[in-house]
């Protein structure tokens, strides 16, 4: 379940950024200031992606802990 949730969150973060870049390219490319903005936006998107990846790993770890506890309680 965490993989599905994490994948959805990542998709929701990446897809709009990709669409924005595609729209800008179709409108005639990038000026020098647009390239700086694009670089900043790209960096932000990458940071969001990395943060969401780390969050997905933490959620998976928490799920493992909870499942292990549940198994131990059922044994007792």
C-alpha atoms as a PDB file:
ATOM      1  CA  UNK A   1       0.000   0.000   0.000  1.00  0.00           C
ATOM      2  CA  UNK A   2       2.853   2.376   0.776  1.00  0.00           C
ATOM      3  CA  UNK A   3       4.365   1.776  -2.627  1.00  0.00           C
ATOM      4  CA  UNK A   4       1.096   2.715  -4.293  1.00  0.00           C
ATOM      5  CA  UNK A   5       0.691   5.823  -2.119  1.00  0.00           C
ATOM      6  CA  UNK A   6       4.299   6.871  -2.613  1.00  0.00           C
ATOM      7  CA  UNK A   7       4.052   6.356  -6.351  1.00  0.00           C
ATOM      8  CA  UNK A   8       0.909   8.467  -6.540  1.00  0.00           C
ATOM      9  CA  UNK A   9       2.537  11.279  -4.575  1.00  0.00           C
ATOM     10  CA  UNK A  10       5.624  11.167  -6.789  1.00  0.00           C
ATOM     11  CA  UNK A  11       3.485  11.194  -9.921  1.00  0.00           C
ATOM     12  CA  UNK A  12       1.529  14.183  -8.634  1.00  0.00           C
ATOM     13  CA  UNK A  13       4.804  16.021  -8.057  1.00  0.00           C
ATOM     14  CA  UNK A  14       6.515  15.150 -11.346  1.00  0.00           C
ATOM     15  CA  UNK A  15       3.693  15.307 -13.892  1.00  0.00           C
ATOM     16  CA  UNK A  16       2.771  19.002 -13.392  1.00  0.00           C
ATOM     17  CA  UNK A  17       6.432  20.018 -13.594  1.00  0.00           C
ATOM     18  CA  UNK A  18       6.855  18.125 -16.836  1.00  0.00           C
ATOM     19  CA  UNK A  19       3.718  19.703 -18.278  1.00  0.00           C
ATOM     20  CA  UNK A  20       4.925  23.209 -17.352  1.00  0.00           C
ATOM     21  CA  UNK A  21       8.266  22.631 -19.041  1.00  0.00           C
ATOM     22  CA  UNK A  22       6.573  21.247 -22.169  1.00  0.00           C
ATOM     23  CA  UNK A  23       4.270  24.281 -22.379  1.00  0.00           C
ATOM     24  CA  UNK A  24       7.206  26.658 -22.104  1.00  0.00           C
ATOM     25  CA  UNK A  25       9.113  24.822 -24.813  1.00  0.00           C
ATOM     26  CA  UNK A  26       6.107  24.957 -27.133  1.00  0.00           C
ATOM     27  CA  UNK A  27       5.745  28.709 -26.571  1.00  0.00           C
ATOM     28  CA  UNK A  28       9.148  29.390 -28.075  1.00  0.00           C
ATOM     29  CA  UNK A  29      11.851  28.165 -25.801  1.00  0.00           C
ATOM     30  CA  UNK A  30      13.509  29.894 -22.911  1.00  0.00           C
ATOM     31  CA  UNK A  31      15.168  33.267 -22.496  1.00  0.00           C
ATOM     32  CA  UNK A  32      18.140  33.679 -20.178  1.00  0.00           C
ATOM     33  CA  UNK A  33      15.922  34.561 -17.200  1.00  0.00           C
ATOM     34  CA  UNK A  34      13.552  31.730 -18.112  1.00  0.00           C
ATOM     35  CA  UNK A  35      16.486  29.330 -18.078  1.00  0.00           C
ATOM     36  CA  UNK A  36      17.415  30.494 -14.574  1.00  0.00           C
ATOM     37  CA  UNK A  37      13.814  30.020 -13.455  1.00  0.00           C
ATOM     38  CA  UNK A  38      13.729  26.620 -15.121  1.00  0.00           C
ATOM     39  CA  UNK A  39      16.935  25.622 -13.343  1.00  0.00           C
ATOM     40  CA  UNK A  40      15.456  26.709 -10.009  1.00  0.00           C
ATOM     41  CA  UNK A  41      12.192  24.885 -10.710  1.00  0.00           C
ATOM     42  CA  UNK A  42      14.074  21.777 -11.794  1.00  0.00           C
ATOM     43  CA  UNK A  43      16.110  21.877  -8.598  1.00  0.00           C
ATOM     44  CA  UNK A  44      12.924  22.251  -6.522  1.00  0.00           C
ATOM     45  CA  UNK A  45      11.262  19.357  -8.342  1.00  0.00           C
ATOM     46  CA  UNK A  46      14.341  17.197  -7.770  1.00  0.00           C
ATOM     47  CA  UNK A  47      14.364  18.104  -4.068  1.00  0.00           C
ATOM     48  CA  UNK A  48      10.658  17.268  -3.818  1.00  0.00           C
ATOM     49  CA  UNK A  49      11.267  13.958  -5.574  1.00  0.00           C
ATOM     50  CA  UNK A  50      14.156  13.101  -3.253  1.00  0.00           C
ATOM     51  CA  UNK A  51      12.128  14.087  -0.193  1.00  0.00           C
ATOM     52  CA  UNK A  52       9.180  11.987  -1.316  1.00  0.00           C
ATOM     53  CA  UNK A  53      11.478   9.038  -2.000  1.00  0.00           C
ATOM     54  CA  UNK A  54      12.865   9.292   1.515  1.00  0.00           C
ATOM     55  CA  UNK A  55       9.331   9.582   2.905  1.00  0.00           C
ATOM     56  CA  UNK A  56       8.310   6.466   0.995  1.00  0.00           C
ATOM     57  CA  UNK A  57      11.243   4.574   2.521  1.00  0.00           C
ATOM     58  CA  UNK A  58      10.260   5.730   6.013  1.00  0.00           C
ATOM     59  CA  UNK A  59       6.630   4.720   5.476  1.00  0.00           C
ATOM     60  CA  UNK A  60       7.742   1.280   4.310  1.00  0.00           C
ATOM     61  CA  UNK A  61       9.970   0.942   7.382  1.00  0.00           C
ATOM     62  CA  UNK A  62       7.084   1.925   9.658  1.00  0.00           C
ATOM     63  CA  UNK A  63       4.804  -0.572   7.942  1.00  0.00           C
ATOM     64  CA  UNK A  64       7.393  -3.287   8.522  1.00  0.00           C
ATOM     65  CA  UNK A  65       7.633  -2.382  12.203  1.00  0.00           C
ATOM     66  CA  UNK A  66       3.850  -2.420  12.598  1.00  0.00           C
ATOM     67  CA  UNK A  67       3.487  -5.725  10.757  1.00  0.00           C
ATOM     68  CA  UNK A  68       6.222  -7.281  12.907  1.00  0.00           C
ATOM     69  CA  UNK A  69       4.503  -6.083  16.083  1.00  0.00           C
ATOM     70  CA  UNK A  70       1.185  -7.422  14.850  1.00  0.00           C
ATOM     71  CA  UNK A  71       2.738 -10.830  14.118  1.00  0.00           C
ATOM     72  CA  UNK A  72       4.344 -10.928  17.574  1.00  0.00           C
ATOM     73  CA  UNK A  73       1.009 -10.061  19.250  1.00  0.00           C
ATOM     74  CA  UNK A  74      -0.760 -12.819  17.357  1.00  0.00           C
ATOM     75  CA  UNK A  75       1.840 -15.366  18.471  1.00  0.00           C
ATOM     76  CA  UNK A  76       1.262 -14.494  22.120  1.00  0.00           C
END
